[in-house]
C-alpha cells in the first residue's frame, strides 16, 4: 500500500434516506460546515452521487463504513489528481460567481447546439421519443411551450405573436459563450437569470428526446438549484428538499 495515495469517499443517492438525515451525517462524519454539507447533500440528491472528501485509504474506509452503518451507500475509490469540481455558483460582490470546468462545459455543447438549431425556421427535429421520431419546428415548439389559454388555437396565436421571444437563438448563443468560458466567471444577476431560463429550455428540450436520461434531468436540476440559491437566497429554505429531479425525468410531454 502506498502511504501517499489518496482515496475519495463517494456518497450515493437513495429513495429512503431523508434529506435532513443525509445532511446531518455528511456534516458530522466529515466534520464539514453547515453550508458545505448542505451543498454536497443537494448535489447527491440531484446528480445521484458526490465525492465528499479525500483521505488516506484507512480513513476513507472508516468514513464510508460510518455511512454504511447509518443505511447510506458510500463507496471508496482511488482519488484522481485531475478531478475537477462539478459545477458551483455562489453570490459575490457584483453578481454571481460561477465555476464550470471545461470538460463538464463541453459535455453540454450538443444540448446548446440542438436548442439553438430547433429555434431556426423550417427545421426538422430528429431523435424524438416514439411514436414520433421526428417533428417539424411548429409542433415541436408547441410541445416545448405548453398552451397558456383554454383553447389551442388561441394559445397558438400567442406563441406565434411572441415567437421571437420564446425561440430566442441570440439568448442561447449568449449563454453558451459565457458557459464555455466560465471556468471562473462573475455574472450579473440578470445574466444568471438568463442562465436559469436557458437551462429550463434545455430541460424542456430533453423531455422530448429519446436519448435523454434521468441523470440529464438530475444534473440540470442541480445546476438550476445552485444558480437560484445564488441569485435569490431567500428562496432556498435550509433543510427543505428541492423538487425531485426524477419527477421531471419521468413526466410526460404536454
Protein backbone atom coordinates (compact mmCIF):
# COMPACT_ATOMS: atom_id res chain seq x y z
CA UNK A 1 0.00 0.00 0.00
CA UNK A 2 1.34 3.38 -0.98
CA UNK A 3 1.08 5.65 2.12
CA UNK A 4 0.88 8.71 -0.12
CA UNK A 5 -2.16 7.53 -2.07
CA UNK A 6 -5.38 9.49 -1.69
CA UNK A 7 -8.81 7.87 -1.74
CA UNK A 8 -12.17 9.54 -2.33
CA UNK A 9 -15.37 8.73 -0.48
CA UNK A 10 -18.42 8.93 -2.75
CA UNK A 11 -21.91 9.02 -1.22
CA UNK A 12 -24.81 7.86 -3.40
CA UNK A 13 -28.44 8.96 -3.53
CA UNK A 14 -31.24 6.59 -2.49
CA UNK A 15 -35.01 6.62 -2.14
CA UNK A 16 -35.26 6.15 1.61
CA UNK A 17 -32.81 8.44 3.43
CA UNK A 18 -34.37 11.83 4.29
CA UNK A 19 -32.55 14.90 3.04
CA UNK A 20 -32.03 16.20 6.59
CA UNK A 21 -30.51 12.90 7.74
CA UNK A 22 -28.03 12.82 4.84
CA UNK A 23 -27.15 16.46 5.51
CA UNK A 24 -26.57 15.73 9.21
CA UNK A 25 -24.39 12.68 8.50
CA UNK A 26 -22.24 14.48 5.94
CA UNK A 27 -21.75 17.40 8.32
CA UNK A 28 -20.85 15.27 11.37
CA UNK A 29 -19.00 12.35 9.80
CA UNK A 30 -16.87 14.56 7.56
CA UNK A 31 -16.70 17.45 10.05
CA UNK A 32 -17.84 19.99 7.46
CA UNK A 33 -19.53 23.35 7.80
CA UNK A 34 -23.31 23.56 7.60
CA UNK A 35 -23.43 25.25 4.19
CA UNK A 36 -20.83 22.95 2.64
CA UNK A 37 -22.68 19.89 3.91
CA UNK A 38 -25.97 21.22 2.55
CA UNK A 39 -24.44 21.87 -0.88
CA UNK A 40 -22.98 18.36 -1.02
CA UNK A 41 -26.31 16.84 0.04
CA UNK A 42 -28.08 18.81 -2.67
CA UNK A 43 -25.56 17.62 -5.24
CA UNK A 44 -26.12 13.99 -4.19
CA UNK A 45 -29.88 14.49 -4.31
CA UNK A 46 -29.85 15.87 -7.85
CA UNK A 47 -26.84 14.27 -9.57
CA UNK A 48 -27.05 10.84 -7.91
CA UNK A 49 -23.69 10.91 -6.12
CA UNK A 50 -20.90 13.21 -4.97
CA UNK A 51 -17.39 12.94 -3.64
CA UNK A 52 -17.39 14.22 -0.08
CA UNK A 53 -13.72 14.08 0.78
CA UNK A 54 -10.24 12.78 0.02
CA UNK A 55 -8.35 10.74 2.64
CA UNK A 56 -5.72 8.08 3.11
CA UNK A 57 -7.16 4.63 2.45
CA UNK A 58 -7.74 3.61 6.06
CA UNK A 59 -9.54 6.85 6.91
CA UNK A 60 -11.60 6.70 3.72
CA UNK A 61 -12.79 3.18 4.56
CA UNK A 62 -13.63 4.29 8.10
CA UNK A 63 -15.70 7.23 6.81
CA UNK A 64 -17.51 5.02 4.29
CA UNK A 65 -18.30 2.45 6.99
CA UNK A 66 -19.93 5.13 9.16
CA UNK A 67 -22.28 5.99 6.30
CA UNK A 68 -22.98 2.31 5.67
CA UNK A 69 -23.90 1.78 9.35
CA UNK A 70 -26.42 4.60 9.01
CA UNK A 71 -28.06 2.96 5.98
CA UNK A 72 -26.48 5.06 3.22
CA UNK A 73 -24.43 3.74 0.32
CA UNK A 74 -20.86 5.01 0.22
CA UNK A 75 -18.01 3.78 -1.95
CA UNK A 76 -14.26 4.27 -1.82
CA UNK A 77 -12.18 4.85 -4.93
CA UNK A 78 -8.68 6.00 -5.69
CA UNK A 79 -8.66 9.77 -5.98
CA UNK A 80 -7.91 11.22 -9.38
CA UNK A 81 -5.45 14.08 -9.08
CA UNK A 82 -7.17 15.61 -12.09
CA UNK A 83 -10.63 15.51 -10.51
CA UNK A 84 -12.46 18.77 -11.13
CA UNK A 85 -15.38 20.29 -9.29
CA UNK A 86 -18.80 19.58 -10.73
CA UNK A 87 -20.48 22.98 -11.01
CA UNK A 88 -20.60 25.80 -8.49
CA UNK A 89 -22.44 29.10 -8.28
CA UNK A 90 -22.29 31.48 -5.34
CA UNK A 91 -23.16 35.07 -4.64
CA UNK A 92 -20.29 37.55 -4.56
CA UNK A 93 -19.96 41.31 -4.67
CA UNK A 94 -21.05 42.37 -8.13
CA UNK A 95 -23.05 39.31 -9.06
CA UNK A 96 -22.80 35.52 -9.15
CA UNK A 97 -19.51 33.64 -9.38
CA UNK A 98 -19.92 30.51 -11.50
CA UNK A 99 -17.25 27.87 -12.00
CA UNK A 100 -17.79 25.40 -14.84
CA UNK A 101 -14.88 23.03 -15.57
CA UNK A 102 -14.15 22.97 -19.31
CA UNK A 103 -14.62 19.20 -19.58
CA UNK A 104 -18.06 19.48 -17.97
CA UNK A 105 -18.99 22.51 -20.08
CA UNK A 106 -18.01 20.76 -23.33
CA UNK A 107 -20.19 17.81 -22.40
CA UNK A 108 -23.27 20.03 -22.69
CA UNK A 109 -22.33 21.54 -26.06
CA UNK A 110 -24.71 19.23 -28.02
CA UNK A 111 -27.61 20.39 -25.82
CA UNK A 112 -26.91 24.06 -26.51
CA UNK A 113 -26.42 23.44 -30.22
CA UNK A 114 -29.59 21.37 -30.53
CA UNK A 115 -31.61 24.02 -28.72
CA UNK A 116 -30.24 26.77 -30.95
CA UNK A 117 -30.98 24.68 -34.03
CA UNK A 118 -34.64 23.97 -33.20
CA UNK A 119 -35.24 27.72 -32.98
CA UNK A 120 -34.42 28.09 -36.69
CA UNK A 121 -37.20 28.31 -39.28
CA UNK A 122 -38.15 25.23 -41.32
CA UNK A 123 -36.07 22.90 -39.17
CA UNK A 124 -36.96 19.23 -38.64
CA UNK A 125 -36.13 17.82 -35.20
CA UNK A 126 -34.93 14.21 -35.11
CA UNK A 127 -34.23 11.77 -32.29
CA UNK A 128 -37.54 12.33 -30.51
CA UNK A 129 -39.36 9.88 -28.29
CA UNK A 130 -41.67 7.42 -30.01
CA UNK A 131 -44.22 7.31 -31.57
CA UNK A 132 -42.92 10.47 -33.32
CA UNK A 133 -39.19 10.07 -34.06
CA UNK A 134 -39.10 13.39 -35.92
CA UNK A 135 -41.17 16.57 -35.99
CA UNK A 136 -41.25 19.93 -37.72
CA UNK A 137 -40.49 23.12 -35.83
CA UNK A 138 -44.03 24.38 -35.14
CA UNK A 139 -45.47 21.28 -33.41
CA UNK A 140 -42.18 20.79 -31.60
CA UNK A 141 -42.29 24.29 -30.13
CA UNK A 142 -45.90 23.64 -29.13
CA UNK A 143 -44.64 20.74 -27.03
CA UNK A 144 -41.80 22.77 -25.53
CA UNK A 145 -44.02 25.73 -24.69
CA UNK A 146 -47.41 24.46 -23.47
CA UNK A 147 -50.75 26.16 -24.05
CA UNK A 148 -51.47 29.22 -21.92
CA UNK A 149 -55.15 29.56 -22.88
CA UNK A 150 -58.16 27.26 -22.69
CA UNK A 151 -58.30 26.87 -26.47
CA UNK A 152 -55.42 25.52 -28.52
CA UNK A 153 -55.92 27.98 -31.36
CA UNK A 154 -55.68 30.99 -29.02
CA UNK A 155 -52.54 29.55 -27.45
CA UNK A 156 -51.11 29.02 -30.92
CA UNK A 157 -51.78 32.67 -31.76
CA UNK A 158 -49.96 33.77 -28.60
CA UNK A 159 -46.96 31.58 -29.46
CA UNK A 160 -46.93 32.95 -32.99
CA UNK A 161 -47.04 36.59 -31.84
CA UNK A 162 -44.23 36.00 -29.33
CA UNK A 163 -42.16 33.55 -31.36
CA UNK A 164 -39.07 35.75 -31.29
CA UNK A 165 -39.11 35.91 -27.51
CA UNK A 166 -39.82 32.20 -27.00
CA UNK A 167 -37.44 30.85 -29.65
CA UNK A 168 -34.63 33.29 -28.94
CA UNK A 169 -31.47 31.99 -30.62
CA UNK A 170 -29.49 35.06 -29.55
CA UNK A 171 -30.19 34.26 -25.90
CA UNK A 172 -28.97 30.68 -26.31
CA UNK A 173 -25.81 31.83 -28.12
CA UNK A 174 -25.13 34.47 -25.47
CA UNK A 175 -25.41 31.99 -22.60
CA UNK A 176 -23.33 29.42 -24.49
CA UNK A 177 -20.46 31.91 -24.99
CA UNK A 178 -20.44 32.57 -21.24
CA UNK A 179 -20.90 28.91 -20.32
CA UNK A 180 -17.94 27.64 -22.35
CA UNK A 181 -15.67 30.33 -20.85
CA UNK A 182 -16.92 30.01 -17.28
CA UNK A 183 -14.12 28.16 -15.54
CA UNK A 184 -14.33 31.17 -13.23
CA UNK A 185 -16.71 33.92 -14.29
CA UNK A 186 -18.73 36.56 -12.44
CA UNK A 187 -22.19 37.01 -13.96
CA UNK A 188 -24.50 39.89 -13.28
CA UNK A 189 -27.79 38.91 -11.66
CA UNK A 190 -29.56 39.48 -15.00
CA UNK A 191 -27.08 37.19 -16.78
CA UNK A 192 -27.52 34.49 -14.14
CA UNK A 193 -31.29 34.75 -14.66
CA UNK A 194 -30.69 34.15 -18.37
CA UNK A 195 -28.74 31.00 -17.48
CA UNK A 196 -31.71 29.76 -15.44
CA UNK A 197 -34.04 30.35 -18.41
CA UNK A 198 -31.80 28.56 -20.93
CA UNK A 199 -31.23 25.59 -18.60
CA UNK A 200 -35.03 25.36 -18.27
CA UNK A 201 -35.36 25.33 -22.05
CA UNK A 202 -32.74 22.59 -22.36
CA UNK A 203 -34.73 20.57 -19.83
CA UNK A 204 -37.91 21.11 -21.87
CA UNK A 205 -36.00 20.04 -24.99
CA UNK A 206 -34.68 16.90 -23.29
CA UNK A 207 -38.17 15.87 -22.26
CA UNK A 208 -38.79 15.23 -25.95
CA UNK A 209 -35.54 13.46 -26.80
CA UNK A 210 -35.29 9.69 -26.97
CA UNK A 211 -31.78 9.50 -25.51
CA UNK A 212 -32.36 11.78 -22.52
CA UNK A 213 -31.80 10.02 -19.18
CA UNK A 214 -32.73 10.65 -15.57
CA UNK A 215 -29.13 11.75 -14.96
CA UNK A 216 -29.54 14.56 -17.52
CA UNK A 217 -32.53 15.91 -15.61
CA UNK A 218 -30.85 15.48 -12.24
CA UNK A 219 -27.81 17.41 -13.43
CA UNK A 220 -29.90 20.21 -14.95
CA UNK A 221 -31.95 20.46 -11.76
CA UNK A 222 -28.79 20.70 -9.67
CA UNK A 223 -27.34 23.46 -11.88
CA UNK A 224 -30.56 25.45 -11.62
CA UNK A 225 -30.73 24.93 -7.87
CA UNK A 226 -27.21 26.31 -7.47
CA UNK A 227 -28.00 29.33 -9.66
CA UNK A 228 -31.26 30.14 -7.90
CA UNK A 229 -29.62 29.82 -4.48
CA UNK A 230 -27.01 32.37 -5.61
CA UNK A 231 -29.45 34.76 -7.31
CA UNK A 232 -32.18 34.65 -4.70
CA UNK A 233 -31.01 33.09 -1.40
CA UNK A 234 -34.36 33.73 0.27
CA UNK A 235 -36.00 31.15 -1.99
CA UNK A 236 -33.83 28.34 -0.58
CA UNK A 237 -35.13 27.22 2.80
CA UNK A 238 -32.42 25.37 4.79
CA UNK A 239 -33.36 21.75 5.31
CA UNK A 240 -36.02 21.66 2.60
CA UNK A 241 -35.70 19.35 -0.38
CA UNK A 242 -35.65 20.81 -3.87
CA UNK A 243 -38.19 19.31 -6.27
CA UNK A 244 -37.06 15.79 -7.08
CA UNK A 245 -35.42 15.69 -10.49
CA UNK A 246 -36.75 12.17 -11.04
CA UNK A 247 -40.28 13.59 -11.22
CA UNK A 248 -39.23 15.81 -14.09
CA UNK A 249 -37.46 12.99 -15.83
CA UNK A 250 -40.48 10.71 -15.84
CA UNK A 251 -43.07 13.39 -16.58
CA UNK A 252 -44.95 13.06 -19.83
CA UNK A 253 -44.70 15.76 -22.53
CA UNK A 254 -47.61 18.15 -22.61
